[in-house]
Amino acid sequence: GSHDSFSYWVDEKSPVGPDQATAIKSLSRISLVRKIMKKWSVTQNLTFKEQLEGGIRYFDLRVSSKPGEIGKETYFVHGLFGIKVWDGLKEMNSFLEQHPKEVIFLDFNHFYAMDDSHHHFLIDRIQSAFESKLCCVECVEYVTLLYMWKKKYQVLIFYHHPLYQEYPFLWPGNKMPAPWANTTNVHKLLQFLETTLGERSRYGTFHVSQAILTPRVKTIARHLIRGLKNTLVHRNLPMILNWVKTQKPGVMGVNIITSDFVELVDFAATVIALNDLLLEEDESAT
């Protein structure tokens, strides 16, 4: 999976998103501030299509309306506004049309400046984009690839808002827990990932290990121009990848792992290769 999957493009000319503090909104009238914000808002370089082609199958999504804009259009947002959600959904669906055995997870986990009418608009867009590919809510343990192929499902939507109850194809957010370390220290991050794996539910939910470092205000202040990638990611990603390589998938092991700048190391291939351990277990059992 990728963290803030949509952030490969953010609009530094647009107003700052409603996910930001009032002080940031005031400062953002200065164009240089928005340029610096962009360096810290972008967590991916690859488009949705490029991420899909590179093996990413879980997408972490934050959505907002654009305050002051007429209509119910929704956009991806991380400090600054990204592309329209509709454009992203169409790009993903195009990939799925060409690869009918591929399955993706879309985790809509943060919403800003949206009332129920915005949500209904967005959910209608999701339905229009994927139609019969949408997998209805089911017992997690039943959802194997064989099950998905048989039903011709390709998309699981996780929707962290009470309106999920009104739609059979919206999975509740609590089926996709994604504990967050909120640290700049790679050692604390790895300890947190170990601890939360040990605490994960045995059955009934998916599970996201967020292998990401989060800048503090003082981190940004000290390294304004360098940005997230050059300050935190480049230096620590190899150590994070080494942790991934030592993991085991399965009931109490890793399930979905997310990272920033997924193309900087062999991230997707390393995560996918962990599945071979399950095959080895099956062979030794038989």
C-alpha atoms as a PDB file:
ATOM      1  CA  GLY A   1       0.000   0.000   0.000  1.00  0.00           C
ATOM      2  CA  SER A   2       0.927   3.656  -0.361  1.00  0.00           C
ATOM      3  CA  HIS A   3       0.451   6.401   2.245  1.00  0.00           C
ATOM      4  CA  ASP A   4      -1.523   9.490   1.108  1.00  0.00           C
ATOM      5  CA  SER A   5      -1.625   7.695  -2.225  1.00  0.00           C
ATOM      6  CA  PHE A   6      -3.036  10.662  -4.187  1.00  0.00           C
ATOM      7  CA  SER A   7      -0.413  13.231  -3.150  1.00  0.00           C
ATOM      8  CA  TYR A   8       1.816  12.838  -6.231  1.00  0.00           C
ATOM      9  CA  TRP A   9       0.148  16.038  -7.477  1.00  0.00           C
ATOM     10  CA  VAL A  10      -1.036  18.880  -5.261  1.00  0.00           C
ATOM     11  CA  ASP A  11      -2.041  22.326  -6.441  1.00  0.00           C
ATOM     12  CA  GLU A  12       0.115  25.013  -4.854  1.00  0.00           C
ATOM     13  CA  LYS A  13      -2.046  27.672  -6.534  1.00  0.00           C
ATOM     14  CA  SER A  14      -5.252  26.481  -4.851  1.00  0.00           C
ATOM     15  CA  PRO A  15      -6.355  27.531  -1.365  1.00  0.00           C
ATOM     16  CA  VAL A  16      -4.993  25.485   1.521  1.00  0.00           C
ATOM     17  CA  GLY A  17      -7.158  22.507   2.483  1.00  0.00           C
ATOM     18  CA  PRO A  18      -9.562  22.531   5.437  1.00  0.00           C
ATOM     19  CA  ASP A  19      -7.365  19.865   7.085  1.00  0.00           C
ATOM     20  CA  GLN A  20      -4.919  22.654   8.058  1.00  0.00           C
ATOM     21  CA  ALA A  21      -4.773  24.868  11.154  1.00  0.00           C
ATOM     22  CA  THR A  22      -6.039  28.466  10.983  1.00  0.00           C
ATOM     23  CA  ALA A  23      -2.499  29.874  11.365  1.00  0.00           C
ATOM     24  CA  ILE A  24      -1.309  27.895   8.319  1.00  0.00           C
ATOM     25  CA  LYS A  25      -4.309  29.104   6.305  1.00  0.00           C
ATOM     26  CA  SER A  26      -3.378  32.717   7.115  1.00  0.00           C
ATOM     27  CA  LEU A  27       0.290  32.226   6.197  1.00  0.00           C
ATOM     28  CA  SER A  28      -0.625  30.388   3.008  1.00  0.00           C
ATOM     29  CA  ARG A  29      -1.584  33.661   1.339  1.00  0.00           C
ATOM     30  CA  ILE A  30       2.172  33.960   0.713  1.00  0.00           C
ATOM     31  CA  SER A  31       3.043  31.877  -2.363  1.00  0.00           C
ATOM     32  CA  LEU A  32       6.438  30.832  -0.904  1.00  0.00           C
ATOM     33  CA  VAL A  33       4.605  29.240   2.057  1.00  0.00           C
ATOM     34  CA  ARG A  34       2.494  27.167  -0.344  1.00  0.00           C
ATOM     35  CA  LYS A  35       5.654  26.087  -2.200  1.00  0.00           C
ATOM     36  CA  ILE A  36       7.162  24.895   1.106  1.00  0.00           C
ATOM     37  CA  MET A  37       3.868  23.182   2.029  1.00  0.00           C
ATOM     38  CA  LYS A  38       4.042  21.260  -1.232  1.00  0.00           C
ATOM     39  CA  LYS A  39       7.451  19.843  -0.271  1.00  0.00           C
ATOM     40  CA  TRP A  40       5.901  18.445   2.921  1.00  0.00           C
ATOM     41  CA  SER A  41       2.493  17.465   1.505  1.00  0.00           C
ATOM     42  CA  VAL A  42       3.748  15.252  -1.318  1.00  0.00           C
ATOM     43  CA  THR A  43       4.387  11.692  -0.078  1.00  0.00           C
ATOM     44  CA  GLN A  44       4.324   9.880  -3.455  1.00  0.00           C
ATOM     45  CA  ASN A  45       5.922  10.490  -6.848  1.00  0.00           C
ATOM     46  CA  LEU A  46       3.908   7.982  -8.892  1.00  0.00           C
ATOM     47  CA  THR A  47       0.408   8.451 -10.325  1.00  0.00           C
ATOM     48  CA  PHE A  48      -2.330   5.946  -9.452  1.00  0.00           C
ATOM     49  CA  LYS A  49      -1.685   4.128 -12.739  1.00  0.00           C
ATOM     50  CA  GLU A  50       2.068   3.969 -12.085  1.00  0.00           C
ATOM     51  CA  GLN A  51       1.507   2.772  -8.514  1.00  0.00           C
ATOM     52  CA  LEU A  52      -0.845   0.047  -9.763  1.00  0.00           C
ATOM     53  CA  GLU A  53       1.672  -1.024 -12.391  1.00  0.00           C
ATOM     54  CA  GLY A  54       4.338  -1.127  -9.663  1.00  0.00           C
ATOM     55  CA  GLY A  55       2.307  -3.533  -7.497  1.00  0.00           C
ATOM     56  CA  ILE A  56       0.487  -1.185  -5.081  1.00  0.00           C
ATOM     57  CA  ARG A  57      -3.010  -2.487  -4.258  1.00  0.00           C
ATOM     58  CA  TYR A  58      -4.032  -0.552  -1.111  1.00  0.00           C
ATOM     59  CA  PHE A  59      -4.704   3.197  -1.412  1.00  0.00           C
ATOM     60  CA  ASP A  60      -4.910   5.594   1.550  1.00  0.00           C
ATOM     61  CA  LEU A  61      -7.339   8.419   0.641  1.00  0.00           C
ATOM     62  CA  ARG A  62      -8.307  11.776   2.211  1.00  0.00           C
ATOM     63  CA  VAL A  63     -11.131  13.715   0.636  1.00  0.00           C
ATOM     64  CA  SER A  64     -12.539  17.242   0.885  1.00  0.00           C
ATOM     65  CA  SER A  65     -14.950  19.580  -0.815  1.00  0.00           C
ATOM     66  CA  LYS A  66     -13.433  22.890  -1.933  1.00  0.00           C
ATOM     67  CA  PRO A  67     -14.858  25.608   0.347  1.00  0.00           C
ATOM     68  CA  GLY A  68     -16.621  28.310  -1.653  1.00  0.00           C
ATOM     69  CA  GLU A  69     -17.002  26.154  -4.754  1.00  0.00           C
ATOM     70  CA  ILE A  70     -20.528  25.662  -6.095  1.00  0.00           C
ATOM     71  CA  GLY A  71     -21.660  22.025  -6.362  1.00  0.00           C
ATOM     72  CA  LYS A  72     -20.666  18.872  -4.521  1.00  0.00           C
ATOM     73  CA  GLU A  73     -17.368  18.003  -6.249  1.00  0.00           C
ATOM     74  CA  THR A  74     -14.798  16.302  -4.007  1.00  0.00           C
ATOM     75  CA  TYR A  75     -11.007  16.396  -4.227  1.00  0.00           C
ATOM     76  CA  PHE A  76      -8.147  14.523  -2.646  1.00  0.00           C
ATOM     77  CA  VAL A  77      -6.434  16.678  -0.016  1.00  0.00           C
ATOM     78  CA  HIS A  78      -3.253  16.662   2.055  1.00  0.00           C
ATOM     79  CA  GLY A  79      -2.496  20.215   3.127  1.00  0.00           C
ATOM     80  CA  LEU A  80      -3.105  21.305  -0.462  1.00  0.00           C
ATOM     81  CA  PHE A  81      -5.782  20.093  -2.874  1.00  0.00           C
ATOM     82  CA  GLY A  82      -5.047  17.259  -5.275  1.00  0.00           C
ATOM     83  CA  ILE A  83      -6.992  15.981  -8.279  1.00  0.00           C
ATOM     84  CA  LYS A  84     -10.762  15.417  -8.380  1.00  0.00           C
ATOM     85  CA  VAL A  85     -11.684  12.091  -6.771  1.00  0.00           C
ATOM     86  CA  TRP A  86     -13.662  11.201  -9.905  1.00  0.00           C
ATOM     87  CA  ASP A  87     -10.545  11.478 -12.092  1.00  0.00           C
ATOM     88  CA  GLY A  88      -8.610   9.187  -9.754  1.00  0.00           C
ATOM     89  CA  LEU A  89     -11.398   6.591  -9.674  1.00  0.00           C
ATOM     90  CA  LYS A  90     -11.606   6.531 -13.482  1.00  0.00           C
ATOM     91  CA  GLU A  91      -7.819   6.049 -13.734  1.00  0.00           C
ATOM     92  CA  MET A  92      -7.991   3.073 -11.362  1.00  0.00           C
ATOM     93  CA  ASN A  93     -10.990   1.550 -13.109  1.00  0.00           C
ATOM     94  CA  SER A  94      -9.184   1.741 -16.437  1.00  0.00           C
ATOM     95  CA  PHE A  95      -6.375  -0.398 -14.957  1.00  0.00           C
ATOM     96  CA  LEU A  96      -8.893  -2.904 -13.553  1.00  0.00           C
ATOM     97  CA  GLU A  97     -10.618  -3.193 -16.939  1.00  0.00           C
ATOM     98  CA  GLN A  98      -7.301  -4.250 -18.446  1.00  0.00           C
ATOM     99  CA  HIS A  99      -6.444  -6.589 -15.529  1.00  0.00           C
ATOM    100  CA  PRO A 100      -9.648  -8.431 -14.544  1.00  0.00           C
ATOM    101  CA  LYS A 101      -7.955 -10.604 -11.899  1.00  0.00           C
ATOM    102  CA  GLU A 102      -6.475  -7.694  -9.931  1.00  0.00           C
ATOM    103  CA  VAL A 103      -8.089  -6.509  -6.678  1.00  0.00           C
ATOM    104  CA  ILE A 104      -7.659  -3.114  -4.987  1.00  0.00           C
ATOM    105  CA  PHE A 105      -8.497  -1.698  -1.552  1.00  0.00           C
ATOM    106  CA  LEU A 106      -9.609   1.949  -1.373  1.00  0.00           C
ATOM    107  CA  ASP A 107      -9.546   3.310   2.180  1.00  0.00           C
ATOM    108  CA  PHE A 108     -11.486   6.591   2.459  1.00  0.00           C
ATOM    109  CA  ASN A 109     -10.385   7.445   5.990  1.00  0.00           C
ATOM    110  CA  HIS A 110     -10.481  11.236   6.348  1.00  0.00           C
ATOM    111  CA  PHE A 111     -13.209  13.637   5.205  1.00  0.00           C
ATOM    112  CA  TYR A 112     -13.126  17.441   5.430  1.00  0.00           C
ATOM    113  CA  ALA A 113     -15.753  20.139   4.784  1.00  0.00           C
ATOM    114  CA  MET A 114     -18.303  17.515   3.718  1.00  0.00           C
ATOM    115  CA  ASP A 115     -21.953  17.221   4.731  1.00  0.00           C
ATOM    116  CA  ASP A 116     -24.229  14.263   3.913  1.00  0.00           C
ATOM    117  CA  SER A 117     -24.997  15.615   0.440  1.00  0.00           C
ATOM    118  CA  HIS A 118     -21.249  15.641  -0.410  1.00  0.00           C
ATOM    119  CA  HIS A 119     -20.964  12.069   0.859  1.00  0.00           C
ATOM    120  CA  HIS A 120     -23.911  10.881  -1.229  1.00  0.00           C
ATOM    121  CA  PHE A 121     -22.371  12.601  -4.264  1.00  0.00           C
ATOM    122  CA  LEU A 122     -19.008  10.900  -3.625  1.00  0.00           C
ATOM    123  CA  ILE A 123     -20.568   7.480  -3.017  1.00  0.00           C
ATOM    124  CA  ASP A 124     -22.545   7.838  -6.243  1.00  0.00           C
ATOM    125  CA  ARG A 125     -19.250   8.581  -8.043  1.00  0.00           C
ATOM    126  CA  ILE A 126     -17.678   5.444  -6.538  1.00  0.00           C
ATOM    127  CA  GLN A 127     -20.650   3.386  -7.713  1.00  0.00           C
ATOM    128  CA  SER A 128     -20.556   4.924 -11.201  1.00  0.00           C
ATOM    129  CA  ALA A 129     -16.809   4.306 -11.557  1.00  0.00           C
ATOM    130  CA  PHE A 130     -16.698   0.633 -10.515  1.00  0.00           C
ATOM    131  CA  GLU A 131     -20.303  -0.663 -10.835  1.00  0.00           C
ATOM    132  CA  SER A 132     -20.386  -4.472 -10.511  1.00  0.00           C
ATOM    133  CA  LYS A 133     -16.685  -4.631  -9.516  1.00  0.00           C
ATOM    134  CA  LEU A 134     -17.602  -3.447  -5.992  1.00  0.00           C
ATOM    135  CA  CYS A 135     -17.364  -6.198  -3.384  1.00  0.00           C
ATOM    136  CA  CYS A 136     -20.254  -6.184  -0.898  1.00  0.00           C
ATOM    137  CA  VAL A 137     -19.462  -6.413   2.811  1.00  0.00           C
ATOM    138  CA  GLU A 138     -18.706  -9.991   3.809  1.00  0.00           C
ATOM    139  CA  CYS A 139     -16.945 -11.882   6.571  1.00  0.00           C
ATOM    140  CA  VAL A 140     -13.273 -10.914   6.071  1.00  0.00           C
ATOM    141  CA  GLU A 141     -12.097 -14.533   6.172  1.00  0.00           C
ATOM    142  CA  TYR A 142     -14.315 -15.415   3.181  1.00  0.00           C
ATOM    143  CA  VAL A 143     -12.736 -12.792   0.939  1.00  0.00           C
ATOM    144  CA  THR A 144     -10.096 -14.806  -0.871  1.00  0.00           C
ATOM    145  CA  LEU A 145      -8.897 -14.136  -4.397  1.00  0.00           C
ATOM    146  CA  LEU A 146     -10.885 -17.162  -5.559  1.00  0.00           C
ATOM    147  CA  TYR A 147     -14.027 -15.659  -3.993  1.00  0.00           C
ATOM    148  CA  MET A 148     -13.355 -12.310  -5.725  1.00  0.00           C
ATOM    149  CA  TRP A 149     -12.691 -13.935  -9.114  1.00  0.00           C
ATOM    150  CA  LYS A 150     -15.799 -16.083  -8.885  1.00  0.00           C
ATOM    151  CA  LYS A 151     -18.007 -13.034  -8.159  1.00  0.00           C
ATOM    152  CA  LYS A 152     -16.037 -10.814 -10.596  1.00  0.00           C
ATOM    153  CA  TYR A 153     -15.374  -8.344  -7.781  1.00  0.00           C
ATOM    154  CA  GLN A 154     -12.244  -6.180  -7.955  1.00  0.00           C
ATOM    155  CA  VAL A 155     -12.725  -3.322  -5.479  1.00  0.00           C
ATOM    156  CA  LEU A 156     -13.170  -3.155  -1.698  1.00  0.00           C
ATOM    157  CA  ILE A 157     -14.178   0.293  -0.417  1.00  0.00           C
ATOM    158  CA  PHE A 158     -13.590   1.184   3.243  1.00  0.00           C
ATOM    159  CA  TYR A 159     -15.601   4.237   4.284  1.00  0.00           C
ATOM    160  CA  HIS A 160     -14.909   5.830   7.664  1.00  0.00           C
ATOM    161  CA  HIS A 161     -18.251   7.598   8.050  1.00  0.00           C
ATOM    162  CA  PRO A 162     -21.616   6.404   9.460  1.00  0.00           C
ATOM    163  CA  LEU A 163     -23.200   6.572   5.993  1.00  0.00           C
ATOM    164  CA  TYR A 164     -21.448   3.285   5.129  1.00  0.00           C
ATOM    165  CA  GLN A 165     -24.466   1.613   6.766  1.00  0.00           C
ATOM    166  CA  GLU A 166     -26.720   2.711   3.899  1.00  0.00           C
ATOM    167  CA  TYR A 167     -24.734   0.984   1.137  1.00  0.00           C
ATOM    168  CA  PRO A 168     -23.971  -2.756   0.903  1.00  0.00           C
ATOM    169  CA  PHE A 169     -20.663  -2.141  -0.920  1.00  0.00           C
ATOM    170  CA  LEU A 170     -19.185   0.206   1.720  1.00  0.00           C
ATOM    171  CA  TRP A 171     -17.106  -1.610   4.325  1.00  0.00           C
ATOM    172  CA  PRO A 172     -16.946   0.047   7.762  1.00  0.00           C
ATOM    173  CA  GLY A 173     -13.682   1.751   8.675  1.00  0.00           C
ATOM    174  CA  ASN A 174     -13.235  -0.505  11.707  1.00  0.00           C
ATOM    175  CA  LYS A 175     -12.625  -3.422   9.300  1.00  0.00           C
ATOM    176  CA  MET A 176      -9.388  -1.661   8.254  1.00  0.00           C
ATOM    177  CA  PRO A 177      -7.536  -0.561  11.419  1.00  0.00           C
ATOM    178  CA  ALA A 178      -4.359   1.399  10.635  1.00  0.00           C
ATOM    179  CA  PRO A 179      -2.573   2.352  13.878  1.00  0.00           C
ATOM    180  CA  TRP A 180      -0.273   5.363  13.455  1.00  0.00           C
ATOM    181  CA  ALA A 181       3.087   5.765  15.216  1.00  0.00           C
ATOM    182  CA  ASN A 182       3.243   9.584  14.789  1.00  0.00           C
ATOM    183  CA  THR A 183       7.022   9.738  15.252  1.00  0.00           C
ATOM    184  CA  THR A 184      10.126  11.011  13.442  1.00  0.00           C
ATOM    185  CA  ASN A 185      12.292   8.314  15.066  1.00  0.00           C
ATOM    186  CA  VAL A 186      12.731   5.170  12.975  1.00  0.00           C
ATOM    187  CA  HIS A 187      13.533   2.987  16.016  1.00  0.00           C
ATOM    188  CA  LYS A 188      10.341   4.100  17.774  1.00  0.00           C
ATOM    189  CA  LEU A 189       8.422   3.446  14.551  1.00  0.00           C
ATOM    190  CA  LEU A 190       9.693  -0.124  14.257  1.00  0.00           C
ATOM    191  CA  GLN A 191       8.942  -0.788  17.939  1.00  0.00           C
ATOM    192  CA  PHE A 192       5.408   0.562  17.408  1.00  0.00           C
ATOM    193  CA  LEU A 193       4.895  -1.668  14.354  1.00  0.00           C
ATOM    194  CA  GLU A 194       5.988  -4.717  16.363  1.00  0.00           C
ATOM    195  CA  THR A 195       3.709  -3.825  19.286  1.00  0.00           C
ATOM    196  CA  THR A 196       0.619  -3.188  17.157  1.00  0.00           C
ATOM    197  CA  LEU A 197       1.143  -6.420  15.212  1.00  0.00           C
ATOM    198  CA  GLY A 198       1.146  -8.242  18.547  1.00  0.00           C
ATOM    199  CA  GLU A 199      -2.140  -6.534  19.459  1.00  0.00           C
ATOM    200  CA  ARG A 200      -3.971  -7.074  16.169  1.00  0.00           C
ATOM    201  CA  SER A 201      -7.242  -8.943  16.100  1.00  0.00           C
ATOM    202  CA  ARG A 202      -6.917 -12.626  15.223  1.00  0.00           C
ATOM    203  CA  TYR A 203      -9.969 -12.575  12.975  1.00  0.00           C
ATOM    204  CA  GLY A 204     -12.591 -10.262  11.510  1.00  0.00           C
ATOM    205  CA  THR A 205     -10.507  -7.355  10.199  1.00  0.00           C
ATOM    206  CA  PHE A 206      -7.773  -6.470   7.765  1.00  0.00           C
ATOM    207  CA  HIS A 207      -4.754  -4.654   9.276  1.00  0.00           C
ATOM    208  CA  VAL A 208      -2.488  -1.853   8.029  1.00  0.00           C
ATOM    209  CA  SER A 209       1.100  -1.457   9.243  1.00  0.00           C
ATOM    210  CA  GLN A 210       1.903   2.203   8.506  1.00  0.00           C
ATOM    211  CA  ALA A 211       5.667   2.104   7.940  1.00  0.00           C
ATOM    212  CA  ILE A 212       5.891   5.897   7.778  1.00  0.00           C
ATOM    213  CA  LEU A 213       7.610   8.678   9.704  1.00  0.00           C
ATOM    214  CA  THR A 214       5.638  11.835  10.502  1.00  0.00           C
ATOM    215  CA  PRO A 215       7.348  15.245  10.641  1.00  0.00           C
ATOM    216  CA  ARG A 216       6.780  17.453  13.681  1.00  0.00           C
ATOM    217  CA  VAL A 217       6.418  21.229  13.375  1.00  0.00           C
ATOM    218  CA  LYS A 218      10.034  21.653  14.527  1.00  0.00           C
ATOM    219  CA  THR A 219      11.188  19.099  11.900  1.00  0.00           C
ATOM    220  CA  ILE A 220       9.569  21.211   9.188  1.00  0.00           C
ATOM    221  CA  ALA A 221      10.944  24.453  10.696  1.00  0.00           C
ATOM    222  CA  ARG A 222      14.513  23.080  10.734  1.00  0.00           C
ATOM    223  CA  HIS A 223      14.405  21.646   7.213  1.00  0.00           C
ATOM    224  CA  LEU A 224      11.952  23.966   5.447  1.00  0.00           C
ATOM    225  CA  ILE A 225      13.379  23.743   1.952  1.00  0.00           C
ATOM    226  CA  ARG A 226      14.504  20.094   2.029  1.00  0.00           C
ATOM    227  CA  GLY A 227      10.990  18.660   2.340  1.00  0.00           C
ATOM    228  CA  LEU A 228       9.756  15.303   3.590  1.00  0.00           C
ATOM    229  CA  LYS A 229      11.581  13.052   1.124  1.00  0.00           C
ATOM    230  CA  ASN A 230      15.055  14.508   1.715  1.00  0.00           C
ATOM    231  CA  THR A 231      14.649  14.976   5.482  1.00  0.00           C
ATOM    232  CA  LEU A 232      12.988  11.765   6.696  1.00  0.00           C
ATOM    233  CA  VAL A 233      12.327   9.279   3.926  1.00  0.00           C
ATOM    234  CA  HIS A 234      15.610   8.813   2.018  1.00  0.00           C
ATOM    235  CA  ARG A 235      17.622   8.244   5.175  1.00  0.00           C
ATOM    236  CA  ASN A 236      15.234   5.838   6.923  1.00  0.00           C
ATOM    237  CA  LEU A 237      13.552   3.855   4.168  1.00  0.00           C
ATOM    238  CA  PRO A 238      16.320   1.203   3.909  1.00  0.00           C
ATOM    239  CA  MET A 239      15.935   0.403   7.644  1.00  0.00           C
ATOM    240  CA  ILE A 240      12.142   0.233   7.275  1.00  0.00           C
ATOM    241  CA  LEU A 241      12.540  -2.113   4.299  1.00  0.00           C
ATOM    242  CA  ASN A 242      14.829  -4.354   6.357  1.00  0.00           C
ATOM    243  CA  TRP A 243      12.046  -4.634   8.955  1.00  0.00           C
ATOM    244  CA  VAL A 244       9.576  -5.592   6.195  1.00  0.00           C
ATOM    245  CA  LYS A 245      11.923  -8.349   4.985  1.00  0.00           C
ATOM    246  CA  THR A 246      11.917  -9.983   8.441  1.00  0.00           C
ATOM    247  CA  GLN A 247       8.105 -10.153   8.689  1.00  0.00           C
ATOM    248  CA  LYS A 248       5.770 -13.103   8.237  1.00  0.00           C
ATOM    249  CA  PRO A 249       2.259 -12.821   6.809  1.00  0.00           C
ATOM    250  CA  GLY A 250      -0.667 -14.739   8.217  1.00  0.00           C
ATOM    251  CA  VAL A 251      -3.217 -14.492  11.013  1.00  0.00           C
ATOM    252  CA  MET A 252      -1.041 -12.585  13.523  1.00  0.00           C
ATOM    253  CA  GLY A 253       1.547 -11.353  11.042  1.00  0.00           C
ATOM    254  CA  VAL A 254       1.651  -8.478   8.578  1.00  0.00           C
ATOM    255  CA  ASN A 255      -1.295  -7.961   6.249  1.00  0.00           C
ATOM    256  CA  ILE A 256      -1.072  -4.593   4.434  1.00  0.00           C
ATOM    257  CA  ILE A 257       2.047  -2.408   4.712  1.00  0.00           C
ATOM    258  CA  THR A 258       2.100   1.238   3.590  1.00  0.00           C
ATOM    259  CA  SER A 259       5.049   3.487   2.818  1.00  0.00           C
ATOM    260  CA  ASP A 260       5.899   6.931   1.479  1.00  0.00           C
ATOM    261  CA  PHE A 261       7.582   7.214  -1.950  1.00  0.00           C
ATOM    262  CA  VAL A 262       7.022   3.551  -2.728  1.00  0.00           C
ATOM    263  CA  GLU A 263       9.349   3.564  -5.738  1.00  0.00           C
ATOM    264  CA  LEU A 264      12.500   4.700  -3.872  1.00  0.00           C
ATOM    265  CA  VAL A 265      13.347   1.145  -2.778  1.00  0.00           C
ATOM    266  CA  ASP A 266      12.056  -2.255  -3.859  1.00  0.00           C
ATOM    267  CA  PHE A 267       9.089  -1.789  -1.524  1.00  0.00           C
ATOM    268  CA  ALA A 268       6.159  -3.377  -3.384  1.00  0.00           C
ATOM    269  CA  ALA A 269       8.213  -6.356  -4.626  1.00  0.00           C
ATOM    270  CA  THR A 270       9.538  -6.961  -1.089  1.00  0.00           C
ATOM    271  CA  VAL A 271       6.040  -6.951   0.434  1.00  0.00           C
ATOM    272  CA  ILE A 272       4.609  -9.145  -2.336  1.00  0.00           C
ATOM    273  CA  ALA A 273       7.463 -11.647  -1.888  1.00  0.00           C
ATOM    274  CA  LEU A 274       6.335 -12.262   1.729  1.00  0.00           C
ATOM    275  CA  ASN A 275       3.410 -14.223   0.259  1.00  0.00           C
ATOM    276  CA  ASP A 276       5.890 -16.919  -0.763  1.00  0.00           C
ATOM    277  CA  LEU A 277       6.305 -17.732   2.950  1.00  0.00           C
ATOM    278  CA  LEU A 278       2.621 -18.693   3.080  1.00  0.00           C
ATOM    279  CA  LEU A 279       3.093 -20.988   0.078  1.00  0.00           C
ATOM    280  CA  GLU A 280       6.075 -22.624   1.778  1.00  0.00           C
ATOM    281  CA  GLU A 281       3.955 -23.198   4.898  1.00  0.00           C
ATOM    282  CA  ASP A 282       1.219 -24.806   2.800  1.00  0.00           C
ATOM    283  CA  GLU A 283       3.711 -27.096   1.082  1.00  0.00           C
ATOM    284  CA  SER A 284       5.333 -28.176   4.345  1.00  0.00           C
ATOM    285  CA  ALA A 285       1.873 -28.827   5.847  1.00  0.00           C
ATOM    286  CA  THR A 286       0.955 -31.156   2.967  1.00  0.00           C
END
